[in-house]
Amino acid sequence: MRALLALLLFSGTLWSQSAGWDTTKYHKFKSSLIIGIFQSHRDFNNQFEQTITPDSTGISKHNYYAESREFTGLEIVYDKFSLAFSLKSNPKKGSEGKGNTKSYAFVFNYGSNRWMMENSFRSFKGFYDRNTSNYDSTFKETGKYNFQPDFTNILFRSKFLYFTNHKKFSIKAGSTCNYRQVKTASTWILSANVNYNYIYNDTSFFPLTTRKYYGDYAYMNSLGVFGISLNAGAAVNIVWWRAFIMQVMFIVGPEQQWRKYSYFGDGTTRLSYFSVSGELRGSIGLNFKRCYIMFFSRNDFAWYYSSFVGARNRSLGGGVILGWRFNPKTPGFYKRFQKTKLYSYL
């Protein structure tokens, strides 16, 4: 698996040296600097389901959500590099009883239309169980969910994407918008990913009323997963009137996972599993010569099922970004960088 990942990265580096594009299909804006402000909505959750004790009522099933759905962020794009960070906004009215999640996210991408390397870091602390009413008889009276203030989820992901039809298709035309697709085009995608997902709680993931269903795993309070995956899929840009664009991308594939289960008090279990992960993205908006507005959606998932406890990590998100292109003079040090072999590889 690691050899295949290295091969993809090496191949992308070699192919990037002869990059070009069909100017009748898309073109790059002369402006180097783009600044965008975005507001996003994200449903992020961890679902647990035991496979030890028969439970037809679903009492033992837990679905932990982050009450941190609204994010405000800033995106900065310069040539082949992009940087974005976001913080959660204040909870909406009517979110009482769900606690308050502390959350932030950071994204750093680089590359061209032939290939891209995407790196992201996300952190969430404080989750509520949407299935509280299944096992808590007081929920109808109080309306308060089982909130776990120390429930923490940290995710790091590095994703390599290679686009087979990069001469006619621009992935950035529907995301960072430093390219503009002027005619409809599509592409196949090859992807290699490295990710780490760490989930932790102070005592156990499961409340006292449902621990009996989990047997020897009742006090599991930590799950760390290191995964390597190879995905494949496709993307399409549909364009109307040279400015109105809709982009859809989907990739899915096998993932090799190395997991570490830890238990409150003492004990760890290390297991290796073969699973599945994937991602679905979409965007629609207007990409003008000076500015753009884009509505976007980005959803990813990973399964961590085993012979005793099934877990699923899922993120469903979407929002709107408004960006403006500037045309500053290229700094001297960056001009020198553009003449290097390293720059031609990006």
Protein backbone atom coordinates (compact mmCIF):
# COMPACT_ATOMS: atom_id res chain seq x y z
CA MET A 1 0.00 0.00 0.00
CA ARG A 2 2.80 2.45 0.88
CA ALA A 3 4.63 1.55 -2.31
CA LEU A 4 1.54 2.42 -4.37
CA LEU A 5 1.24 5.76 -2.54
CA ALA A 6 4.88 6.58 -3.29
CA LEU A 7 4.39 5.60 -6.94
CA LEU A 8 1.42 7.94 -7.32
CA LEU A 9 3.30 10.85 -5.76
CA PHE A 10 6.39 10.21 -7.91
CA SER A 11 4.32 9.90 -11.08
CA GLY A 12 2.48 13.14 -10.35
CA THR A 13 5.81 14.92 -9.88
CA LEU A 14 7.15 13.70 -13.23
CA TRP A 15 3.97 14.42 -15.18
CA SER A 16 3.71 17.94 -13.78
CA GLN A 17 6.83 19.00 -15.70
CA SER A 18 4.98 18.92 -19.05
CA ALA A 19 1.75 20.53 -17.80
CA GLY A 20 -0.36 22.53 -20.22
CA TRP A 21 -4.01 23.21 -20.86
CA ASP A 22 -6.57 23.80 -23.57
CA THR A 23 -7.31 27.54 -23.44
CA THR A 24 -10.62 26.98 -25.23
CA LYS A 25 -11.77 24.99 -22.17
CA TYR A 26 -10.35 27.04 -19.27
CA HIS A 27 -7.80 29.69 -18.49
CA LYS A 28 -5.92 31.02 -15.48
CA PHE A 29 -6.48 34.50 -14.12
CA LYS A 30 -3.50 36.84 -14.26
CA SER A 31 -4.15 38.06 -10.72
CA SER A 32 -2.08 36.10 -8.22
CA LEU A 33 -3.80 36.94 -4.94
CA ILE A 34 -7.36 35.95 -4.06
CA ILE A 35 -9.04 36.58 -0.71
CA GLY A 36 -12.34 34.96 0.15
CA ILE A 37 -14.65 35.10 3.16
CA PHE A 38 -16.94 32.16 3.79
CA GLN A 39 -19.74 31.04 6.07
CA SER A 40 -20.25 27.29 6.33
CA HIS A 41 -22.56 24.80 7.98
CA ARG A 42 -21.24 21.40 9.05
CA ASP A 43 -22.83 18.31 10.59
CA PHE A 44 -20.03 16.35 12.22
CA ASN A 45 -20.77 13.16 14.11
CA ASN A 46 -19.39 9.89 15.51
CA GLN A 47 -21.72 6.92 15.59
CA PHE A 48 -21.21 3.86 17.82
CA GLU A 49 -23.10 0.60 17.56
CA GLN A 50 -22.24 -2.59 19.47
CA THR A 51 -22.42 -6.03 17.87
CA ILE A 52 -22.16 -8.09 21.06
CA THR A 53 -25.61 -8.07 22.72
CA PRO A 54 -28.87 -8.28 20.71
CA ASP A 55 -30.65 -4.91 20.88
CA SER A 56 -33.74 -4.55 18.69
CA THR A 57 -34.77 -1.28 20.39
CA GLY A 58 -31.58 0.61 19.49
CA ILE A 59 -30.94 1.65 23.11
CA SER A 60 -27.23 0.88 22.85
CA LYS A 61 -26.72 2.94 19.69
CA HIS A 62 -25.05 6.32 20.19
CA ASN A 63 -24.80 9.16 17.70
CA TYR A 64 -22.54 11.93 19.02
CA TYR A 65 -22.90 15.28 17.25
CA ALA A 66 -20.85 18.43 17.56
CA GLU A 67 -22.99 21.46 18.38
CA SER A 68 -20.70 23.58 16.29
CA ARG A 69 -22.42 23.79 12.96
CA GLU A 70 -21.84 27.37 11.90
CA PHE A 71 -18.29 28.37 10.92
CA THR A 72 -16.85 31.64 9.71
CA GLY A 73 -13.56 31.55 7.85
CA LEU A 74 -11.01 33.23 5.62
CA GLU A 75 -9.38 31.76 2.51
CA ILE A 76 -6.20 33.14 0.92
CA VAL A 77 -5.06 31.90 -2.49
CA TYR A 78 -1.73 32.86 -4.04
CA ASP A 79 -0.76 31.23 -7.31
CA LYS A 80 -0.47 27.47 -6.62
CA PHE A 81 -0.98 27.73 -2.84
CA SER A 82 -4.12 28.17 -0.76
CA LEU A 83 -4.65 28.58 2.96
CA ALA A 84 -7.95 28.57 4.85
CA PHE A 85 -8.89 28.61 8.51
CA SER A 86 -12.22 28.80 10.28
CA LEU A 87 -13.72 29.16 13.75
CA LYS A 88 -17.16 28.27 14.93
CA SER A 89 -19.76 30.99 15.21
CA ASN A 90 -22.04 31.47 18.20
CA PRO A 91 -24.66 28.70 18.54
CA LYS A 92 -28.06 29.40 17.04
CA LYS A 93 -31.04 30.13 19.22
CA GLY A 94 -32.85 26.93 20.04
CA SER A 95 -29.68 24.91 20.53
CA GLU A 96 -30.17 24.78 24.31
CA GLY A 97 -29.71 21.36 25.82
CA LYS A 98 -26.99 20.35 23.34
CA GLY A 99 -24.01 21.88 25.10
CA ASN A 100 -21.36 23.93 23.33
CA THR A 101 -18.61 22.48 21.16
CA LYS A 102 -15.21 24.14 20.84
CA SER A 103 -13.99 23.75 17.30
CA TYR A 104 -11.64 25.08 14.61
CA ALA A 105 -10.23 23.94 11.28
CA PHE A 106 -7.13 24.63 9.18
CA VAL A 107 -6.49 23.75 5.51
CA PHE A 108 -3.32 24.11 3.40
CA ASN A 109 -3.31 23.03 -0.27
CA TYR A 110 -0.79 23.28 -3.08
CA GLY A 111 -0.48 22.10 -6.65
CA SER A 112 -1.86 22.81 -10.11
CA ASN A 113 -4.66 21.43 -12.24
CA ARG A 114 -2.68 18.27 -13.03
CA TRP A 115 -2.44 17.26 -9.38
CA MET A 116 -3.12 18.69 -5.95
CA MET A 117 -2.02 17.97 -2.42
CA GLU A 118 -4.61 18.85 0.21
CA ASN A 119 -3.80 18.96 3.93
CA SER A 120 -6.37 19.58 6.64
CA PHE A 121 -6.58 19.64 10.43
CA ARG A 122 -9.88 19.69 12.35
CA SER A 123 -10.51 19.72 16.09
CA PHE A 124 -13.79 19.27 18.02
CA LYS A 125 -14.30 19.14 21.79
CA GLY A 126 -17.72 18.56 23.35
CA PHE A 127 -20.35 16.29 21.77
CA TYR A 128 -24.01 15.56 22.54
CA ASP A 129 -25.77 12.25 21.89
CA ARG A 130 -28.69 12.67 19.51
CA ASN A 131 -30.04 9.27 20.64
CA THR A 132 -30.39 10.33 24.29
CA SER A 133 -34.16 9.79 24.31
CA ASN A 134 -33.65 6.05 23.66
CA TYR A 135 -32.12 5.43 27.09
CA ASP A 136 -32.84 8.53 29.23
CA SER A 137 -36.42 8.62 30.55
CA THR A 138 -36.06 12.24 31.73
CA PHE A 139 -35.33 13.60 28.25
CA LYS A 140 -39.00 14.39 27.46
CA GLU A 141 -39.22 16.59 30.55
CA THR A 142 -35.82 18.31 30.45
CA GLY A 143 -35.06 18.38 26.72
CA LYS A 144 -31.38 18.05 27.62
CA TYR A 145 -29.20 15.69 25.63
CA ASN A 146 -26.41 13.61 27.10
CA PHE A 147 -23.55 16.07 26.64
CA GLN A 148 -19.94 14.91 26.98
CA PRO A 149 -17.76 18.04 27.47
CA ASP A 150 -14.48 16.10 27.26
CA PHE A 151 -15.39 14.10 24.17
CA THR A 152 -12.64 15.15 21.73
CA ASN A 153 -12.10 14.39 18.07
CA ILE A 154 -8.94 15.42 16.20
CA LEU A 155 -8.50 14.67 12.50
CA PHE A 156 -5.54 15.14 10.19
CA ARG A 157 -5.68 14.29 6.51
CA SER A 158 -3.25 14.59 3.61
CA LYS A 159 -4.82 13.85 0.23
CA PHE A 160 -3.15 13.55 -3.18
CA LEU A 161 -5.42 14.02 -6.23
CA TYR A 162 -4.42 13.39 -9.84
CA PHE A 163 -6.71 14.47 -12.71
CA THR A 164 -6.38 12.52 -15.97
CA ASN A 165 -8.01 15.19 -18.17
CA HIS A 166 -6.19 18.17 -16.67
CA LYS A 167 -5.66 19.82 -20.06
CA LYS A 168 -9.41 20.39 -20.47
CA PHE A 169 -10.72 20.21 -16.90
CA SER A 170 -9.90 22.58 -14.01
CA ILE A 171 -10.72 21.42 -10.49
CA LYS A 172 -9.86 24.87 -9.14
CA ALA A 173 -12.50 26.56 -11.29
CA GLY A 174 -15.10 25.32 -8.82
CA SER A 175 -13.13 25.77 -5.58
CA THR A 176 -10.38 28.39 -5.20
CA CYS A 177 -11.46 30.00 -8.51
CA ASN A 178 -8.01 31.09 -9.67
CA TYR A 179 -8.95 29.31 -12.90
CA ARG A 180 -12.06 29.81 -14.98
CA GLN A 181 -13.76 26.95 -16.82
CA VAL A 182 -15.45 28.34 -19.95
CA LYS A 183 -16.68 25.08 -21.50
CA THR A 184 -18.07 21.92 -19.93
CA ALA A 185 -15.49 19.18 -19.24
CA SER A 186 -14.97 16.13 -17.03
CA THR A 187 -12.11 13.98 -15.75
CA TRP A 188 -11.25 10.73 -14.01
CA ILE A 189 -9.52 11.06 -10.64
CA LEU A 190 -6.89 8.94 -8.88
CA SER A 191 -6.26 9.64 -5.21
CA ALA A 192 -3.96 8.49 -2.43
CA ASN A 193 -4.64 9.52 1.17
CA VAL A 194 -2.96 9.39 4.56
CA ASN A 195 -5.08 10.25 7.59
CA TYR A 196 -5.15 10.07 11.37
CA ASN A 197 -8.35 10.17 13.40
CA TYR A 198 -8.20 10.36 17.21
CA ILE A 199 -11.34 10.13 19.38
CA TYR A 200 -11.15 10.46 23.17
CA ASN A 201 -13.45 10.75 26.20
CA ASP A 202 -12.60 11.09 29.89
CA THR A 203 -14.11 7.82 31.18
CA SER A 204 -16.07 5.99 28.48
CA PHE A 205 -17.81 6.65 25.18
CA PHE A 206 -20.93 5.02 26.62
CA PRO A 207 -23.15 6.24 29.52
CA LEU A 208 -23.81 4.01 32.53
CA THR A 209 -27.26 2.96 31.31
CA THR A 210 -25.93 1.33 28.14
CA ARG A 211 -22.52 -0.02 29.16
CA LYS A 212 -24.01 -3.44 29.93
CA TYR A 213 -24.54 -3.93 26.20
CA TYR A 214 -20.84 -3.48 25.44
CA GLY A 215 -19.47 -6.20 27.72
CA ASP A 216 -15.67 -6.08 28.06
CA TYR A 217 -15.60 -2.91 25.95
CA ALA A 218 -17.89 -0.88 28.23
CA TYR A 219 -15.07 1.42 29.32
CA MET A 220 -13.56 2.10 25.93
CA ASN A 221 -12.60 5.77 25.99
CA SER A 222 -10.12 6.19 23.15
CA LEU A 223 -9.81 5.20 19.51
CA GLY A 224 -6.87 6.18 17.34
CA VAL A 225 -6.89 5.24 13.67
CA PHE A 226 -4.06 5.67 11.18
CA GLY A 227 -5.25 4.97 7.66
CA ILE A 228 -3.88 4.79 4.12
CA SER A 229 -6.35 4.65 1.25
CA LEU A 230 -6.42 4.54 -2.53
CA ASN A 231 -9.49 6.16 -4.06
CA ALA A 232 -10.78 6.59 -7.58
CA GLY A 233 -13.65 8.54 -9.02
CA ALA A 234 -14.63 11.33 -11.37
CA ALA A 235 -15.47 15.03 -11.55
CA VAL A 236 -17.35 17.26 -13.96
CA ASN A 237 -17.63 21.00 -14.56
CA ILE A 238 -20.87 22.06 -16.24
CA VAL A 239 -20.68 25.61 -17.57
CA TRP A 240 -23.33 28.04 -18.82
CA TRP A 241 -22.58 31.45 -20.36
CA ARG A 242 -18.84 31.10 -19.51
CA ALA A 243 -19.42 32.27 -15.92
CA PHE A 244 -22.05 30.06 -14.31
CA ILE A 245 -20.46 26.79 -13.18
CA MET A 246 -21.59 23.64 -11.38
CA GLN A 247 -18.92 21.18 -10.22
CA VAL A 248 -19.42 17.66 -8.81
CA MET A 249 -16.68 15.30 -7.61
CA PHE A 250 -16.89 11.83 -6.06
CA ILE A 251 -14.13 9.43 -5.02
CA VAL A 252 -14.26 6.18 -3.02
CA GLY A 253 -11.98 3.26 -2.36
CA PRO A 254 -10.39 0.80 0.06
CA GLU A 255 -8.58 1.91 3.19
CA GLN A 256 -6.09 0.01 5.32
CA GLN A 257 -6.51 1.02 8.97
CA TRP A 258 -4.29 0.48 11.99
CA ARG A 259 -6.37 1.03 15.12
CA LYS A 260 -5.60 1.43 18.80
CA TYR A 261 -8.50 0.93 21.23
CA SER A 262 -7.87 2.13 24.82
CA TYR A 263 -9.95 1.58 27.95
CA PHE A 264 -10.46 3.73 31.03
CA GLY A 265 -8.24 2.48 33.83
CA ASP A 266 -6.07 0.05 31.93
CA GLY A 267 -5.65 -1.88 28.72
CA THR A 268 -5.28 -1.32 25.00
CA THR A 269 -6.08 -3.35 21.90
CA ARG A 270 -4.26 -2.94 18.57
CA LEU A 271 -5.97 -4.22 15.44
CA SER A 272 -5.57 -3.91 11.69
CA TYR A 273 -8.63 -3.66 9.45
CA PHE A 274 -9.48 -3.28 5.77
CA SER A 275 -12.29 -0.75 5.33
CA VAL A 276 -13.76 1.90 3.01
CA SER A 277 -13.56 5.70 2.84
CA GLY A 278 -14.74 8.30 0.37
CA GLU A 279 -15.70 11.88 -0.37
CA LEU A 280 -18.39 13.77 -2.27
CA ARG A 281 -17.96 17.44 -3.21
CA GLY A 282 -20.12 19.88 -5.08
CA SER A 283 -20.23 23.58 -5.85
CA ILE A 284 -22.32 25.98 -7.91
CA GLY A 285 -21.90 29.68 -8.51
CA LEU A 286 -20.73 32.57 -10.64
CA ASN A 287 -17.06 33.03 -11.54
CA PHE A 288 -16.53 36.51 -13.00
CA LYS A 289 -13.30 38.16 -14.08
CA ARG A 290 -12.80 40.08 -10.84
CA CYS A 291 -14.88 38.29 -8.22
CA TYR A 292 -16.79 35.10 -7.60
CA ILE A 293 -19.51 33.73 -5.38
CA MET A 294 -19.73 30.00 -4.83
CA PHE A 295 -22.10 27.76 -2.88
CA PHE A 296 -20.28 24.59 -1.91
CA SER A 297 -20.79 21.24 -0.21
CA ARG A 298 -18.11 18.84 1.01
CA ASN A 299 -18.92 15.50 2.62
CA ASP A 300 -16.58 12.71 3.71
CA PHE A 301 -16.92 9.46 5.64
CA ALA A 302 -14.87 6.60 7.10
CA TRP A 303 -16.03 3.32 8.63
CA TYR A 304 -14.37 1.73 11.68
CA TYR A 305 -16.35 -1.47 12.05
CA SER A 306 -15.04 -4.48 13.99
CA SER A 307 -16.33 -7.75 15.40
CA PHE A 308 -17.40 -6.06 18.67
CA VAL A 309 -18.08 -2.35 18.13
CA GLY A 310 -19.00 -0.52 14.95
CA ALA A 311 -18.02 3.12 14.58
CA ARG A 312 -18.53 5.59 11.78
CA ASN A 313 -17.08 9.07 11.40
CA ARG A 314 -18.93 11.40 9.03
CA SER A 315 -18.79 15.06 8.10
CA LEU A 316 -21.52 16.75 6.05
CA GLY A 317 -20.83 20.37 5.26
CA GLY A 318 -21.77 23.23 2.99
CA GLY A 319 -21.70 26.99 2.77
CA VAL A 320 -21.06 30.04 0.65
CA ILE A 321 -17.83 31.89 -0.18
CA LEU A 322 -17.38 35.35 -1.67
CA GLY A 323 -13.96 36.08 -3.14
CA TRP A 324 -12.14 38.96 -4.80
CA ARG A 325 -9.06 38.85 -7.02
CA PHE A 326 -6.20 41.29 -6.55
CA ASN A 327 -3.31 41.91 -8.91
CA PRO A 328 -0.29 42.88 -6.79
CA LYS A 329 3.27 42.88 -8.08
CA THR A 330 4.99 39.54 -7.70
CA PRO A 331 7.63 39.76 -4.92
CA GLY A 332 11.24 39.30 -6.00
CA PHE A 333 11.78 36.18 -3.89
CA TYR A 334 8.70 34.58 -5.43
CA LYS A 335 9.92 35.33 -8.96
CA ARG A 336 13.13 33.51 -8.13
CA PHE A 337 11.10 30.63 -6.70
CA GLN A 338 9.06 30.42 -9.93
CA LYS A 339 12.28 29.79 -11.87
CA THR A 340 13.24 26.76 -9.77
CA LYS A 341 12.61 23.11 -10.57
CA LEU A 342 10.64 22.77 -7.34
CA TYR A 343 8.09 25.29 -8.62
CA SER A 344 7.70 23.41 -11.92
CA TYR A 345 6.94 20.23 -9.95
CA LEU A 346 4.05 21.86 -8.07
